[in-house]
PDB file of N, CA and C in Angstrom:
ATOM      1  N   UNK A   1      14.061 -65.283  -9.202  1.00  0.00           N
ATOM      2  CA  UNK A   1      14.909 -64.660 -10.181  1.00  0.00           C
ATOM      3  C   UNK A   1      14.059 -64.363 -11.437  1.00  0.00           C
ATOM      4  N   UNK A   2      13.070 -65.128 -11.719  1.00  0.00           N
ATOM      5  CA  UNK A   2      12.240 -64.893 -12.881  1.00  0.00           C
ATOM      6  C   UNK A   2      11.525 -63.531 -12.778  1.00  0.00           C
ATOM      7  N   UNK A   3      11.148 -63.208 -11.551  1.00  0.00           N
ATOM      8  CA  UNK A   3      10.482 -61.925 -11.308  1.00  0.00           C
ATOM      9  C   UNK A   3      11.383 -60.839 -10.936  1.00  0.00           C
ATOM     10  N   UNK A   4      12.600 -61.103 -10.447  1.00  0.00           N
ATOM     11  CA  UNK A   4      13.563 -60.101 -10.046  1.00  0.00           C
ATOM     12  C   UNK A   4      14.890 -60.490 -10.635  1.00  0.00           C
ATOM     13  N   UNK A   5      15.259 -59.973 -11.779  1.00  0.00           N
ATOM     14  CA  UNK A   5      16.485 -60.339 -12.503  1.00  0.00           C
ATOM     15  C   UNK A   5      17.720 -59.868 -11.712  1.00  0.00           C
ATOM     16  N   UNK A   6      17.568 -59.040 -10.729  1.00  0.00           N
ATOM     17  CA  UNK A   6      18.764 -58.610  -9.966  1.00  0.00           C
ATOM     18  C   UNK A   6      19.069 -59.467  -8.703  1.00  0.00           C
ATOM     19  N   UNK A   7      18.232 -60.442  -8.466  1.00  0.00           N
ATOM     20  CA  UNK A   7      18.445 -61.299  -7.350  1.00  0.00           C
ATOM     21  C   UNK A   7      19.677 -62.173  -7.567  1.00  0.00           C
ATOM     22  N   UNK A   8      20.568 -62.235  -6.623  1.00  0.00           N
ATOM     23  CA  UNK A   8      21.786 -63.025  -6.706  1.00  0.00           C
ATOM     24  C   UNK A   8      21.718 -64.116  -5.565  1.00  0.00           C
ATOM     25  N   UNK A   9      22.176 -65.272  -5.833  1.00  0.00           N
ATOM     26  CA  UNK A   9      22.163 -66.411  -4.870  1.00  0.00           C
ATOM     27  C   UNK A   9      23.566 -66.999  -4.686  1.00  0.00           C
ATOM     28  N   UNK A  10      23.978 -67.166  -3.468  1.00  0.00           N
ATOM     29  CA  UNK A  10      25.281 -67.877  -3.191  1.00  0.00           C
ATOM     30  C   UNK A  10      24.923 -69.159  -2.465  1.00  0.00           C
ATOM     31  N   UNK A  11      25.455 -70.270  -2.938  1.00  0.00           N
ATOM     32  CA  UNK A  11      25.211 -71.554  -2.329  1.00  0.00           C
ATOM     33  C   UNK A  11      26.588 -72.102  -1.819  1.00  0.00           C
ATOM     34  N   UNK A  12      26.687 -72.374  -0.522  1.00  0.00           N
ATOM     35  CA  UNK A  12      27.850 -72.955   0.019  1.00  0.00           C
ATOM     36  C   UNK A  12      27.653 -74.435   0.174  1.00  0.00           C
ATOM     37  N   UNK A  13      28.532 -75.220  -0.543  1.00  0.00           N
ATOM     38  CA  UNK A  13      28.411 -76.626  -0.604  1.00  0.00           C
ATOM     39  C   UNK A  13      29.570 -77.355   0.143  1.00  0.00           C
ATOM     40  N   UNK A  14      29.291 -78.302   0.915  1.00  0.00           N
ATOM     41  CA  UNK A  14      30.310 -79.134   1.569  1.00  0.00           C
ATOM     42  C   UNK A  14      30.523 -80.443   0.839  1.00  0.00           C
ATOM     43  N   UNK A  15      31.756 -80.765   0.433  1.00  0.00           N
ATOM     44  CA  UNK A  15      32.017 -81.987  -0.314  1.00  0.00           C
ATOM     45  C   UNK A  15      31.598 -83.241   0.548  1.00  0.00           C
ATOM     46  N   UNK A  16      31.819 -83.194   1.863  1.00  0.00           N
ATOM     47  CA  UNK A  16      31.529 -84.321   2.716  1.00  0.00           C
ATOM     48  C   UNK A  16      30.285 -84.164   3.519  1.00  0.00           C
ATOM     49  N   UNK A  17      29.190 -83.782   2.887  1.00  0.00           N
ATOM     50  CA  UNK A  17      27.957 -83.455   3.575  1.00  0.00           C
ATOM     51  C   UNK A  17      26.890 -84.493   3.137  1.00  0.00           C
ATOM     52  N   UNK A  18      26.579 -85.405   3.969  1.00  0.00           N
ATOM     53  CA  UNK A  18      25.569 -86.440   3.615  1.00  0.00           C
ATOM     54  C   UNK A  18      24.154 -85.942   3.794  1.00  0.00           C
ATOM     55  N   UNK A  19      23.984 -84.887   4.629  1.00  0.00           N
ATOM     56  CA  UNK A  19      22.647 -84.336   4.877  1.00  0.00           C
ATOM     57  C   UNK A  19      22.141 -83.520   3.678  1.00  0.00           C
ATOM     58  N   UNK A  20      22.988 -82.673   3.129  1.00  0.00           N
ATOM     59  CA  UNK A  20      22.610 -81.857   2.014  1.00  0.00           C
ATOM     60  C   UNK A  20      23.725 -81.919   0.989  1.00  0.00           C
ATOM     61  N   UNK A  21      23.805 -83.092   0.232  1.00  0.00           N
ATOM     62  CA  UNK A  21      24.936 -83.261  -0.722  1.00  0.00           C
ATOM     63  C   UNK A  21      25.031 -82.230  -1.790  1.00  0.00           C
ATOM     64  N   UNK A  22      26.208 -81.803  -2.112  1.00  0.00           N
ATOM     65  CA  UNK A  22      26.442 -80.731  -3.027  1.00  0.00           C
ATOM     66  C   UNK A  22      25.923 -81.037  -4.462  1.00  0.00           C
ATOM     67  N   UNK A  23      25.983 -82.286  -4.810  1.00  0.00           N
ATOM     68  CA  UNK A  23      25.533 -82.621  -6.193  1.00  0.00           C
ATOM     69  C   UNK A  23      24.013 -82.470  -6.334  1.00  0.00           C
ATOM     70  N   UNK A  24      23.304 -82.658  -5.189  1.00  0.00           N
ATOM     71  CA  UNK A  24      21.829 -82.430  -5.213  1.00  0.00           C
ATOM     72  C   UNK A  24      21.513 -81.001  -5.395  1.00  0.00           C
ATOM     73  N   UNK A  25      22.359 -80.112  -4.857  1.00  0.00           N
ATOM     74  CA  UNK A  25      22.196 -78.626  -5.061  1.00  0.00           C
ATOM     75  C   UNK A  25      22.431 -78.289  -6.547  1.00  0.00           C
ATOM     76  N   UNK A  26      23.536 -78.807  -7.099  1.00  0.00           N
ATOM     77  CA  UNK A  26      23.794 -78.541  -8.507  1.00  0.00           C
ATOM     78  C   UNK A  26      22.643 -79.067  -9.373  1.00  0.00           C
ATOM     79  N   UNK A  27      22.170 -80.210  -9.059  1.00  0.00           N
ATOM     80  CA  UNK A  27      21.040 -80.790  -9.867  1.00  0.00           C
ATOM     81  C   UNK A  27      19.825 -79.929  -9.790  1.00  0.00           C
ATOM     82  N   UNK A  28      19.483 -79.504  -8.554  1.00  0.00           N
ATOM     83  CA  UNK A  28      18.325 -78.667  -8.381  1.00  0.00           C
ATOM     84  C   UNK A  28      18.399 -77.344  -9.144  1.00  0.00           C
ATOM     85  N   UNK A  29      19.551 -76.654  -9.056  1.00  0.00           N
ATOM     86  CA  UNK A  29      19.709 -75.406  -9.785  1.00  0.00           C
ATOM     87  C   UNK A  29      19.776 -75.636 -11.289  1.00  0.00           C
ATOM     88  N   UNK A  30      20.263 -76.750 -11.748  1.00  0.00           N
ATOM     89  CA  UNK A  30      20.272 -77.033 -13.195  1.00  0.00           C
ATOM     90  C   UNK A  30      18.922 -77.327 -13.738  1.00  0.00           C
ATOM     91  N   UNK A  31      17.947 -77.723 -12.870  1.00  0.00           N
ATOM     92  CA  UNK A  31      16.583 -78.075 -13.328  1.00  0.00           C
ATOM     93  C   UNK A  31      15.551 -77.068 -12.939  1.00  0.00           C
ATOM     94  N   UNK A  32      15.915 -75.844 -12.610  1.00  0.00           N
ATOM     95  CA  UNK A  32      14.973 -74.774 -12.328  1.00  0.00           C
ATOM     96  C   UNK A  32      14.359 -74.121 -13.600  1.00  0.00           C
ATOM     97  N   UNK A  33      14.805 -74.474 -14.739  1.00  0.00           N
ATOM     98  CA  UNK A  33      14.350 -73.875 -16.035  1.00  0.00           C
ATOM     99  C   UNK A  33      14.511 -72.417 -16.039  1.00  0.00           C
ATOM    100  N   UNK A  34      15.676 -71.914 -15.455  1.00  0.00           N
ATOM    101  CA  UNK A  34      15.958 -70.512 -15.491  1.00  0.00           C
ATOM    102  C   UNK A  34      16.407 -70.142 -16.906  1.00  0.00           C
ATOM    103  N   UNK A  35      16.104 -68.960 -17.279  1.00  0.00           N
ATOM    104  CA  UNK A  35      16.589 -68.415 -18.593  1.00  0.00           C
ATOM    105  C   UNK A  35      18.122 -68.391 -18.491  1.00  0.00           C
ATOM    106  N   UNK A  36      18.771 -68.617 -19.581  1.00  0.00           N
ATOM    107  CA  UNK A  36      20.234 -68.610 -19.592  1.00  0.00           C
ATOM    108  C   UNK A  36      20.791 -67.265 -19.190  1.00  0.00           C
ATOM    109  N   UNK A  37      20.100 -66.189 -19.376  1.00  0.00           N
ATOM    110  CA  UNK A  37      20.644 -64.858 -18.995  1.00  0.00           C
ATOM    111  C   UNK A  37      20.711 -64.763 -17.466  1.00  0.00           C
ATOM    112  N   UNK A  38      19.996 -65.648 -16.720  1.00  0.00           N
ATOM    113  CA  UNK A  38      19.963 -65.536 -15.267  1.00  0.00           C
ATOM    114  C   UNK A  38      20.975 -66.498 -14.575  1.00  0.00           C
ATOM    115  N   UNK A  39      21.594 -67.401 -15.369  1.00  0.00           N
ATOM    116  CA  UNK A  39      22.470 -68.424 -14.786  1.00  0.00           C
ATOM    117  C   UNK A  39      23.657 -67.731 -14.102  1.00  0.00           C
ATOM    118  N   UNK A  40      24.055 -66.556 -14.523  1.00  0.00           N
ATOM    119  CA  UNK A  40      25.212 -65.881 -13.893  1.00  0.00           C
ATOM    120  C   UNK A  40      24.891 -65.311 -12.547  1.00  0.00           C
ATOM    121  N   UNK A  41      23.608 -65.308 -12.158  1.00  0.00           N
ATOM    122  CA  UNK A  41      23.156 -64.840 -10.855  1.00  0.00           C
ATOM    123  C   UNK A  41      23.406 -65.870  -9.764  1.00  0.00           C
ATOM    124  N   UNK A  42      23.753 -67.052 -10.134  1.00  0.00           N
ATOM    125  CA  UNK A  42      23.959 -68.109  -9.151  1.00  0.00           C
ATOM    126  C   UNK A  42      25.458 -68.380  -8.979  1.00  0.00           C
ATOM    127  N   UNK A  43      25.918 -68.301  -7.727  1.00  0.00           N
ATOM    128  CA  UNK A  43      27.324 -68.648  -7.432  1.00  0.00           C
ATOM    129  C   UNK A  43      27.350 -69.739  -6.412  1.00  0.00           C
ATOM    130  N   UNK A  44      28.322 -70.628  -6.585  1.00  0.00           N
ATOM    131  CA  UNK A  44      28.467 -71.730  -5.638  1.00  0.00           C
ATOM    132  C   UNK A  44      29.926 -71.805  -5.152  1.00  0.00           C
ATOM    133  N   UNK A  45      30.056 -72.113  -3.877  1.00  0.00           N
ATOM    134  CA  UNK A  45      31.385 -72.331  -3.275  1.00  0.00           C
ATOM    135  C   UNK A  45      31.364 -73.781  -2.763  1.00  0.00           C
ATOM    136  N   UNK A  46      32.548 -74.376  -2.791  1.00  0.00           N
ATOM    137  CA  UNK A  46      32.790 -75.777  -2.425  1.00  0.00           C
ATOM    138  C   UNK A  46      33.795 -75.873  -1.395  1.00  0.00           C
ATOM    139  N   UNK A  47      33.470 -76.609  -0.305  1.00  0.00           N
ATOM    140  CA  UNK A  47      34.353 -76.692   0.893  1.00  0.00           C
ATOM    141  C   UNK A  47      34.520 -78.087   1.380  1.00  0.00           C
ATOM    142  N   UNK A  48      35.696 -78.315   1.987  1.00  0.00           N
ATOM    143  CA  UNK A  48      35.963 -79.645   2.535  1.00  0.00           C
ATOM    144  C   UNK A  48      34.989 -80.077   3.693  1.00  0.00           C
ATOM    145  N   UNK A  49      34.557 -79.077   4.412  1.00  0.00           N
ATOM    146  CA  UNK A  49      33.663 -79.425   5.507  1.00  0.00           C
ATOM    147  C   UNK A  49      32.323 -79.910   5.014  1.00  0.00           C
ATOM    148  N   UNK A  50      31.540 -80.427   5.907  1.00  0.00           N
ATOM    149  CA  UNK A  50      30.171 -80.792   5.606  1.00  0.00           C
ATOM    150  C   UNK A  50      29.332 -79.503   5.552  1.00  0.00           C
ATOM    151  N   UNK A  51      28.086 -79.463   5.968  1.00  0.00           N
ATOM    152  CA  UNK A  51      27.252 -78.333   5.926  1.00  0.00           C
ATOM    153  C   UNK A  51      27.527 -77.330   7.052  1.00  0.00           C
ATOM    154  N   UNK A  52      28.424 -77.659   7.957  1.00  0.00           N
ATOM    155  CA  UNK A  52      28.762 -76.742   9.034  1.00  0.00           C
ATOM    156  C   UNK A  52      30.267 -76.251   8.751  1.00  0.00           C
ATOM    157  N   UNK A  53      30.408 -75.449   7.826  1.00  0.00           N
ATOM    158  CA  UNK A  53      31.730 -74.887   7.385  1.00  0.00           C
ATOM    159  C   UNK A  53      32.449 -74.201   8.565  1.00  0.00           C
ATOM    160  N   UNK A  54      31.697 -73.675   9.486  1.00  0.00           N
ATOM    161  CA  UNK A  54      32.276 -72.904  10.582  1.00  0.00           C
ATOM    162  C   UNK A  54      33.042 -73.751  11.577  1.00  0.00           C
ATOM    163  N   UNK A  55      32.923 -75.081  11.531  1.00  0.00           N
ATOM    164  CA  UNK A  55      33.664 -75.913  12.504  1.00  0.00           C
ATOM    165  C   UNK A  55      35.039 -76.406  11.895  1.00  0.00           C
ATOM    166  N   UNK A  56      35.204 -76.144  10.656  1.00  0.00           N
ATOM    167  CA  UNK A  56      36.484 -76.518   9.987  1.00  0.00           C
ATOM    168  C   UNK A  56      37.125 -75.233   9.503  1.00  0.00           C
ATOM    169  N   UNK A  57      38.227 -74.814  10.200  1.00  0.00           N
ATOM    170  CA  UNK A  57      38.814 -73.521  10.047  1.00  0.00           C
ATOM    171  C   UNK A  57      39.210 -73.183   8.608  1.00  0.00           C
ATOM    172  N   UNK A  58      39.832 -74.098   7.851  1.00  0.00           N
ATOM    173  CA  UNK A  58      40.200 -73.776   6.455  1.00  0.00           C
ATOM    174  C   UNK A  58      38.932 -73.528   5.617  1.00  0.00           C
ATOM    175  N   UNK A  59      37.879 -74.269   5.858  1.00  0.00           N
ATOM    176  CA  UNK A  59      36.676 -74.005   5.098  1.00  0.00           C
ATOM    177  C   UNK A  59      36.009 -72.682   5.484  1.00  0.00           C
ATOM    178  N   UNK A  60      36.051 -72.384   6.784  1.00  0.00           N
ATOM    179  CA  UNK A  60      35.479 -71.081   7.201  1.00  0.00           C
ATOM    180  C   UNK A  60      36.258 -69.932   6.637  1.00  0.00           C
ATOM    181  N   UNK A  61      37.543 -70.006   6.552  1.00  0.00           N
ATOM    182  CA  UNK A  61      38.310 -68.908   5.997  1.00  0.00           C
ATOM    183  C   UNK A  61      38.018 -68.737   4.541  1.00  0.00           C
ATOM    184  N   UNK A  62      37.898 -69.844   3.783  1.00  0.00           N
ATOM    185  CA  UNK A  62      37.618 -69.784   2.359  1.00  0.00           C
ATOM    186  C   UNK A  62      36.225 -69.275   2.108  1.00  0.00           C
ATOM    187  N   UNK A  63      35.261 -69.703   2.919  1.00  0.00           N
ATOM    188  CA  UNK A  63      33.875 -69.225   2.749  1.00  0.00           C
ATOM    189  C   UNK A  63      33.771 -67.741   3.020  1.00  0.00           C
ATOM    190  N   UNK A  64      34.542 -67.262   3.989  1.00  0.00           N
ATOM    191  CA  UNK A  64      34.555 -65.836   4.217  1.00  0.00           C
ATOM    192  C   UNK A  64      35.028 -65.061   2.992  1.00  0.00           C
ATOM    193  N   UNK A  65      36.096 -65.498   2.376  1.00  0.00           N
ATOM    194  CA  UNK A  65      36.601 -64.869   1.153  1.00  0.00           C
ATOM    195  C   UNK A  65      35.558 -64.941   0.066  1.00  0.00           C
ATOM    196  N   UNK A  66      35.001 -66.098  -0.106  1.00  0.00           N
ATOM    197  CA  UNK A  66      33.985 -66.259  -1.176  1.00  0.00           C
ATOM    198  C   UNK A  66      32.765 -65.398  -0.961  1.00  0.00           C
ATOM    199  N   UNK A  67      32.288 -65.288   0.297  1.00  0.00           N
ATOM    200  CA  UNK A  67      31.119 -64.438   0.552  1.00  0.00           C
ATOM    201  C   UNK A  67      31.469 -62.947   0.382  1.00  0.00           C
ATOM    202  N   UNK A  68      32.649 -62.546   0.801  1.00  0.00           N
ATOM    203  CA  UNK A  68      33.037 -61.185   0.622  1.00  0.00           C
ATOM    204  C   UNK A  68      33.035 -60.815  -0.922  1.00  0.00           C
ATOM    205  N   UNK A  69      33.609 -61.717  -1.698  1.00  0.00           N
ATOM    206  CA  UNK A  69      33.621 -61.458  -3.141  1.00  0.00           C
ATOM    207  C   UNK A  69      32.204 -61.412  -3.655  1.00  0.00           C
ATOM    208  N   UNK A  70      31.371 -62.363  -3.237  1.00  0.00           N
ATOM    209  CA  UNK A  70      29.960 -62.377  -3.688  1.00  0.00           C
ATOM    210  C   UNK A  70      29.220 -61.098  -3.406  1.00  0.00           C
ATOM    211  N   UNK A  71      29.464 -60.583  -2.147  1.00  0.00           N
ATOM    212  CA  UNK A  71      28.763 -59.315  -1.791  1.00  0.00           C
ATOM    213  C   UNK A  71      29.306 -58.154  -2.588  1.00  0.00           C
ATOM    214  N   UNK A  72      30.626 -58.054  -2.772  1.00  0.00           N
ATOM    215  CA  UNK A  72      31.170 -56.996  -3.586  1.00  0.00           C
ATOM    216  C   UNK A  72      30.681 -57.058  -4.994  1.00  0.00           C
ATOM    217  N   UNK A  73      30.693 -58.271  -5.620  1.00  0.00           N
ATOM    218  CA  UNK A  73      30.221 -58.451  -6.980  1.00  0.00           C
ATOM    219  C   UNK A  73      28.731 -58.165  -7.178  1.00  0.00           C
ATOM    220  N   UNK A  74      27.952 -58.367  -6.137  1.00  0.00           N
ATOM    221  CA  UNK A  74      26.525 -58.166  -6.294  1.00  0.00           C
ATOM    222  C   UNK A  74      26.113 -56.790  -6.260  1.00  0.00           C
ATOM    223  N   UNK A  75      26.963 -55.913  -5.715  1.00  0.00           N
ATOM    224  CA  UNK A  75      26.550 -54.484  -5.663  1.00  0.00           C
ATOM    225  C   UNK A  75      26.956 -53.693  -6.854  1.00  0.00           C
TER     226      UNK A  75
END
Protein backbone atom coordinates (compact mmCIF):
# COMPACT_ATOMS: atom_id res chain seq x y z
CA UNK A 1 0.00 0.00 0.00
CA UNK A 2 2.90 2.30 0.60
CA UNK A 3 3.84 1.96 -3.09
CA UNK A 4 0.29 1.59 -4.46
CA UNK A 5 -2.22 3.79 -2.64
CA UNK A 6 -5.07 2.18 -4.61
CA UNK A 7 -4.48 -1.30 -3.18
CA UNK A 8 -7.43 -2.50 -1.09
CA UNK A 9 -7.29 -5.45 1.31
CA UNK A 10 -10.15 -7.50 2.77
CA UNK A 11 -9.43 -9.78 5.72
CA UNK A 12 -11.98 -12.45 6.72
CA UNK A 13 -11.64 -13.27 10.42
CA UNK A 14 -13.19 -16.19 12.27
CA UNK A 15 -14.01 -15.58 15.94
CA UNK A 16 -13.40 -19.22 16.84
CA UNK A 17 -10.19 -19.77 14.89
CA UNK A 18 -7.24 -21.00 16.92
CA UNK A 19 -4.99 -21.40 13.87
CA UNK A 20 -5.20 -17.79 12.71
CA UNK A 21 -6.80 -15.80 15.56
CA UNK A 22 -8.58 -12.62 14.49
CA UNK A 23 -6.93 -10.51 17.16
CA UNK A 24 -3.50 -11.39 15.73
CA UNK A 25 -4.70 -10.05 12.37
CA UNK A 26 -5.86 -6.80 13.97
CA UNK A 27 -2.58 -6.51 15.84
CA UNK A 28 -0.54 -7.08 12.69
CA UNK A 29 -2.42 -4.49 10.64
CA UNK A 30 -2.26 -1.99 13.52
CA UNK A 31 1.53 -2.33 13.60
CA UNK A 32 2.32 -1.98 9.89
CA UNK A 33 3.15 1.71 10.31
CA UNK A 34 0.80 2.61 7.48
CA UNK A 35 0.07 6.24 6.91
CA UNK A 36 -3.29 7.25 8.36
CA UNK A 37 -4.55 8.08 4.87
CA UNK A 38 -4.20 4.38 3.92
CA UNK A 39 -6.07 2.91 6.91
CA UNK A 40 -9.33 3.12 4.98
CA UNK A 41 -7.95 0.69 2.40
CA UNK A 42 -8.19 -2.15 4.89
CA UNK A 43 -11.54 -3.87 5.48
CA UNK A 44 -12.19 -6.69 7.91
CA UNK A 45 -15.10 -9.08 8.24
CA UNK A 46 -15.82 -11.15 11.35
CA UNK A 47 -17.56 -14.51 11.28
CA UNK A 48 -18.66 -17.18 13.74
CA UNK A 49 -16.82 -19.87 11.85
CA UNK A 50 -13.12 -20.51 12.18
CA UNK A 51 -10.86 -19.93 9.19
CA UNK A 52 -13.05 -22.16 6.99
CA UNK A 53 -16.10 -19.90 6.67
CA UNK A 54 -17.42 -22.01 3.81
CA UNK A 55 -18.33 -24.92 6.14
CA UNK A 56 -20.65 -22.76 8.28
CA UNK A 57 -23.56 -21.63 6.10
CA UNK A 58 -24.46 -18.42 8.02
CA UNK A 59 -20.81 -17.32 7.90
CA UNK A 60 -20.54 -18.18 4.21
CA UNK A 61 -23.63 -16.12 3.39
CA UNK A 62 -22.38 -13.12 5.37
CA UNK A 63 -18.91 -13.37 3.86
CA UNK A 64 -20.43 -13.38 0.36
CA UNK A 65 -22.31 -10.16 1.18
CA UNK A 66 -19.19 -8.58 2.66
CA UNK A 67 -17.00 -9.55 -0.32
CA UNK A 68 -19.59 -8.27 -2.79
CA UNK A 69 -19.65 -4.92 -1.00
CA UNK A 70 -15.84 -4.83 -0.84
CA UNK A 71 -15.56 -5.43 -4.59
CA UNK A 72 -18.20 -2.79 -5.40
CA UNK A 73 -16.60 -0.23 -3.10
CA UNK A 74 -13.10 -0.91 -4.44
CA UNK A 75 -13.99 -0.06 -8.01
